[in-house]
Amino acid sequence: MKSQASLKVFKFIAWFAAVYHLALGLAATFGSTEFVTSLAEKVYGITLNIDPDLFISLARFIGSYMIAFGLMMLVLALKPYEYRKLAWVGAILFIVRIFDRVVFFTVLQKTLGITMSSNLTT
């Protein structure tokens, strides 16, 4: 019974990660510069201190990786037993993102105007 509850929690997290990454990846890839900039400000607390053209170019590039990660998480959510090794990819990405956010916080703060509270909650 406990494993069923754990599986439901795992699938919920995988679905959430899939939808989140697919939505933001598609928005970053296909959205207008104004829309992507506004979305980044609202979701991540970013205040642009860099060239907007550079930001949108990077956002579109990152968007393609978000789409790929979202699709991988979708596959994992649909068939968690068959593709359970993909869970390691998600876990490793999560750990690397925490590392980057802590170690490179001053760079994020300087270039994107992210506050520590926004950095830790997104």
C-alpha atoms as a PDB file:
ATOM      1  CA  MET A   1       0.000   0.000   0.000  1.00  0.00           C
ATOM      2  CA  LYS A   2       2.873   2.351   0.807  1.00  0.00           C
ATOM      3  CA  SER A   3       4.463   1.729  -2.590  1.00  0.00           C
ATOM      4  CA  GLN A   4       1.196   2.704  -4.326  1.00  0.00           C
ATOM      5  CA  ALA A   5       1.133   5.999  -2.445  1.00  0.00           C
ATOM      6  CA  SER A   6       4.807   6.587  -3.285  1.00  0.00           C
ATOM      7  CA  LEU A   7       4.110   5.837  -6.931  1.00  0.00           C
ATOM      8  CA  LYS A   8       1.234   8.339  -6.987  1.00  0.00           C
ATOM      9  CA  VAL A   9       3.458  11.044  -5.463  1.00  0.00           C
ATOM     10  CA  PHE A  10       6.236  10.231  -7.918  1.00  0.00           C
ATOM     11  CA  LYS A  11       3.864  10.363 -10.895  1.00  0.00           C
ATOM     12  CA  PHE A  12       2.431  13.683  -9.698  1.00  0.00           C
ATOM     13  CA  ILE A  13       5.928  15.174  -9.469  1.00  0.00           C
ATOM     14  CA  ALA A  14       6.849  13.775 -12.891  1.00  0.00           C
ATOM     15  CA  TRP A  15       3.647  15.172 -14.454  1.00  0.00           C
ATOM     16  CA  PHE A  16       4.202  18.547 -12.817  1.00  0.00           C
ATOM     17  CA  ALA A  17       7.818  18.678 -14.037  1.00  0.00           C
ATOM     18  CA  ALA A  18       6.723  17.632 -17.540  1.00  0.00           C
ATOM     19  CA  VAL A  19       3.982  20.258 -17.852  1.00  0.00           C
ATOM     20  CA  TYR A  20       6.119  22.998 -16.253  1.00  0.00           C
ATOM     21  CA  HIS A  21       9.125  22.400 -18.506  1.00  0.00           C
ATOM     22  CA  LEU A  22       7.084  21.888 -21.673  1.00  0.00           C
ATOM     23  CA  ALA A  23       5.022  25.047 -21.094  1.00  0.00           C
ATOM     24  CA  LEU A  24       8.003  27.256 -20.301  1.00  0.00           C
ATOM     25  CA  GLY A  25      10.150  25.675 -23.026  1.00  0.00           C
ATOM     26  CA  LEU A  26       7.500  26.216 -25.685  1.00  0.00           C
ATOM     27  CA  ALA A  27       6.890  29.766 -24.471  1.00  0.00           C
ATOM     28  CA  ALA A  28      10.620  30.565 -24.545  1.00  0.00           C
ATOM     29  CA  THR A  29      11.052  29.037 -27.986  1.00  0.00           C
ATOM     30  CA  PHE A  30       8.015  30.481 -29.724  1.00  0.00           C
ATOM     31  CA  GLY A  31       6.957  33.501 -27.621  1.00  0.00           C
ATOM     32  CA  SER A  32       7.599  37.119 -28.510  1.00  0.00           C
ATOM     33  CA  THR A  33      10.491  38.917 -26.839  1.00  0.00           C
ATOM     34  CA  GLU A  34       8.074  40.934 -24.712  1.00  0.00           C
ATOM     35  CA  PHE A  35       6.149  37.837 -23.614  1.00  0.00           C
ATOM     36  CA  VAL A  36       9.287  35.835 -22.733  1.00  0.00           C
ATOM     37  CA  THR A  37      10.779  38.767 -20.824  1.00  0.00           C
ATOM     38  CA  SER A  38       7.536  39.281 -18.895  1.00  0.00           C
ATOM     39  CA  LEU A  39       7.234  35.564 -18.172  1.00  0.00           C
ATOM     40  CA  ALA A  40      10.826  35.400 -16.905  1.00  0.00           C
ATOM     41  CA  GLU A  41      10.168  38.360 -14.621  1.00  0.00           C
ATOM     42  CA  LYS A  42       7.011  36.783 -13.199  1.00  0.00           C
ATOM     43  CA  VAL A  43       8.181  33.168 -12.887  1.00  0.00           C
ATOM     44  CA  TYR A  44      11.844  33.625 -11.962  1.00  0.00           C
ATOM     45  CA  GLY A  45      11.956  37.163 -10.571  1.00  0.00           C
ATOM     46  CA  ILE A  46      14.403  38.237 -13.278  1.00  0.00           C
ATOM     47  CA  THR A  47      15.174  41.899 -13.814  1.00  0.00           C
ATOM     48  CA  LEU A  48      17.172  42.236 -17.002  1.00  0.00           C
ATOM     49  CA  ASN A  49      20.549  43.883 -16.607  1.00  0.00           C
ATOM     50  CA  ILE A  50      21.779  42.471 -19.917  1.00  0.00           C
ATOM     51  CA  ASP A  51      21.015  43.168 -23.550  1.00  0.00           C
ATOM     52  CA  PRO A  52      17.422  42.027 -24.326  1.00  0.00           C
ATOM     53  CA  ASP A  53      18.537  40.502 -27.648  1.00  0.00           C
ATOM     54  CA  LEU A  54      21.142  38.410 -25.833  1.00  0.00           C
ATOM     55  CA  PHE A  55      18.565  37.384 -23.234  1.00  0.00           C
ATOM     56  CA  ILE A  56      15.985  36.236 -25.794  1.00  0.00           C
ATOM     57  CA  SER A  57      18.653  34.326 -27.737  1.00  0.00           C
ATOM     58  CA  LEU A  58      19.671  32.493 -24.561  1.00  0.00           C
ATOM     59  CA  ALA A  59      16.026  31.958 -23.557  1.00  0.00           C
ATOM     60  CA  ARG A  60      15.232  30.314 -26.898  1.00  0.00           C
ATOM     61  CA  PHE A  61      18.313  28.091 -26.622  1.00  0.00           C
ATOM     62  CA  ILE A  62      17.409  27.079 -23.055  1.00  0.00           C
ATOM     63  CA  GLY A  63      13.785  26.569 -24.144  1.00  0.00           C
ATOM     64  CA  SER A  64      14.793  23.707 -26.428  1.00  0.00           C
ATOM     65  CA  TYR A  65      16.429  21.924 -23.486  1.00  0.00           C
ATOM     66  CA  MET A  66      13.341  22.535 -21.367  1.00  0.00           C
ATOM     67  CA  ILE A  67      11.179  20.942 -24.060  1.00  0.00           C
ATOM     68  CA  ALA A  68      13.461  17.903 -24.231  1.00  0.00           C
ATOM     69  CA  PHE A  69      13.494  17.547 -20.435  1.00  0.00           C
ATOM     70  CA  GLY A  70       9.711  17.986 -20.319  1.00  0.00           C
ATOM     71  CA  LEU A  71       9.234  15.231 -22.885  1.00  0.00           C
ATOM     72  CA  MET A  72      11.534  12.937 -20.912  1.00  0.00           C
ATOM     73  CA  MET A  73       9.546  13.619 -17.732  1.00  0.00           C
ATOM     74  CA  LEU A  74       6.307  12.969 -19.648  1.00  0.00           C
ATOM     75  CA  VAL A  75       7.596   9.545 -20.702  1.00  0.00           C
ATOM     76  CA  LEU A  76       8.604   8.890 -17.092  1.00  0.00           C
ATOM     77  CA  ALA A  77       5.174   9.976 -15.811  1.00  0.00           C
ATOM     78  CA  LEU A  78       3.372   7.715 -18.284  1.00  0.00           C
ATOM     79  CA  LYS A  79       5.540   4.612 -17.764  1.00  0.00           C
ATOM     80  CA  PRO A  80       7.483   4.990 -14.522  1.00  0.00           C
ATOM     81  CA  TYR A  81       8.438   1.329 -14.161  1.00  0.00           C
ATOM     82  CA  GLU A  82       9.662   0.872 -17.706  1.00  0.00           C
ATOM     83  CA  TYR A  83      11.705   4.098 -17.713  1.00  0.00           C
ATOM     84  CA  ARG A  84      12.686   4.317 -14.035  1.00  0.00           C
ATOM     85  CA  LYS A  85      16.329   4.991 -14.916  1.00  0.00           C
ATOM     86  CA  LEU A  86      15.249   8.355 -16.344  1.00  0.00           C
ATOM     87  CA  ALA A  87      14.414   9.416 -12.787  1.00  0.00           C
ATOM     88  CA  TRP A  88      18.168   9.651 -12.203  1.00  0.00           C
ATOM     89  CA  VAL A  89      18.446  12.243 -14.965  1.00  0.00           C
ATOM     90  CA  GLY A  90      15.831  14.404 -13.251  1.00  0.00           C
ATOM     91  CA  ALA A  91      17.471  13.974  -9.848  1.00  0.00           C
ATOM     92  CA  ILE A  92      20.919  14.835 -11.198  1.00  0.00           C
ATOM     93  CA  LEU A  93      19.580  17.913 -12.992  1.00  0.00           C
ATOM     94  CA  PHE A  94      17.896  19.045  -9.766  1.00  0.00           C
ATOM     95  CA  ILE A  95      21.174  18.665  -7.832  1.00  0.00           C
ATOM     96  CA  VAL A  96      23.183  20.505 -10.496  1.00  0.00           C
ATOM     97  CA  ARG A  97      20.632  23.343 -10.531  1.00  0.00           C
ATOM     98  CA  ILE A  98      20.887  23.714  -6.740  1.00  0.00           C
ATOM     99  CA  PHE A  99      24.681  23.745  -7.011  1.00  0.00           C
ATOM    100  CA  ASP A 100      24.596  26.398  -9.756  1.00  0.00           C
ATOM    101  CA  ARG A 101      22.148  28.577  -7.854  1.00  0.00           C
ATOM    102  CA  VAL A 102      24.241  28.527  -4.686  1.00  0.00           C
ATOM    103  CA  VAL A 103      27.737  28.718  -6.158  1.00  0.00           C
ATOM    104  CA  PHE A 104      26.932  31.237  -8.897  1.00  0.00           C
ATOM    105  CA  PHE A 105      24.353  33.307  -7.032  1.00  0.00           C
ATOM    106  CA  THR A 106      26.350  36.546  -7.274  1.00  0.00           C
ATOM    107  CA  VAL A 107      26.540  36.182 -11.057  1.00  0.00           C
ATOM    108  CA  LEU A 108      22.778  35.545 -11.269  1.00  0.00           C
ATOM    109  CA  GLN A 109      22.129  38.513  -9.010  1.00  0.00           C
ATOM    110  CA  LYS A 110      24.391  40.794 -11.035  1.00  0.00           C
ATOM    111  CA  THR A 111      23.227  39.800 -14.529  1.00  0.00           C
ATOM    112  CA  LEU A 112      19.573  38.935 -13.904  1.00  0.00           C
ATOM    113  CA  GLY A 113      18.765  40.848 -10.721  1.00  0.00           C
ATOM    114  CA  ILE A 114      17.536  37.705  -8.945  1.00  0.00           C
ATOM    115  CA  THR A 115      17.080  37.979  -5.199  1.00  0.00           C
ATOM    116  CA  MET A 116      18.118  35.161  -2.876  1.00  0.00           C
ATOM    117  CA  SER A 117      14.492  34.374  -1.971  1.00  0.00           C
ATOM    118  CA  SER A 118      13.489  34.202  -5.643  1.00  0.00           C
ATOM    119  CA  ASN A 119      16.581  32.103  -6.382  1.00  0.00           C
ATOM    120  CA  LEU A 120      15.662  29.558  -3.730  1.00  0.00           C
ATOM    121  CA  THR A 121      11.969  29.274  -4.614  1.00  0.00           C
ATOM    122  CA  THR A 122      12.158  28.754  -8.399  1.00  0.00           C
END
